[in-house]
Amino acid sequence: MANLSPELAGSPAMAEPTPRVPRHLALAYLANHQVMTLATTGPLGVWAAAVFYVNDGFDLFFLSAGHTRHAQNMTAVPHIAATIQEDYRDWQQIQGIQLEGNVSLLTNVSRETAIGRYFQKYPFLGQADASMQAALAKVNWYVLRPEKLFFIDNSLGLGHRDEIALD
């Protein structure tokens, strides 16, 4: 039997490293970020717009005024793309989400549920002044349901991305 150093002789077995689970990483990333950039196309041409979002799993809820270019595009062509990422200085640190999916306008209970989730994530909206509250009451509420979603992680190599199963 090999001699063990005094430090190792009475120590418990070394713990196995935690496995990397891209699905869990993507959900954590969504929960810990706030801004999603939408890429739309439609009668007004291609357009990108940044919006605050709240997620329920991989479903992404956001608001927008119906007269905006991206909202008009989504009405005409509901299949869009989106990204969520920080502003990194080092390409090796880049992580984020790339996705494509369909946008739907929310009504009734689903709209009220989305509003509740949104106010829970962004509690400052509850203290908004009367003009902001009036504006929030007039906006459209949407859900983006991804059909394809990738978690980007350049720490594993330039352009590394894991496709997440959305079953």
Foldseek 3Di string as FASTA:
>chain_A
DDDDDPVPPPDDDDDDDDDDDFLVVQQVLLQPFFKKWKWFAAPVGIDIDIFGWHDDRQKTKTWDACVDPRNVRCVGPQWIKMKDWDDDPDQQATKIKIFIFGKDWDDDPVVVVRVVRVCVSVVVLVVDDPVSVVVVVRIIMMITDTPWMWIAHSVVPRRDIDIDDDD
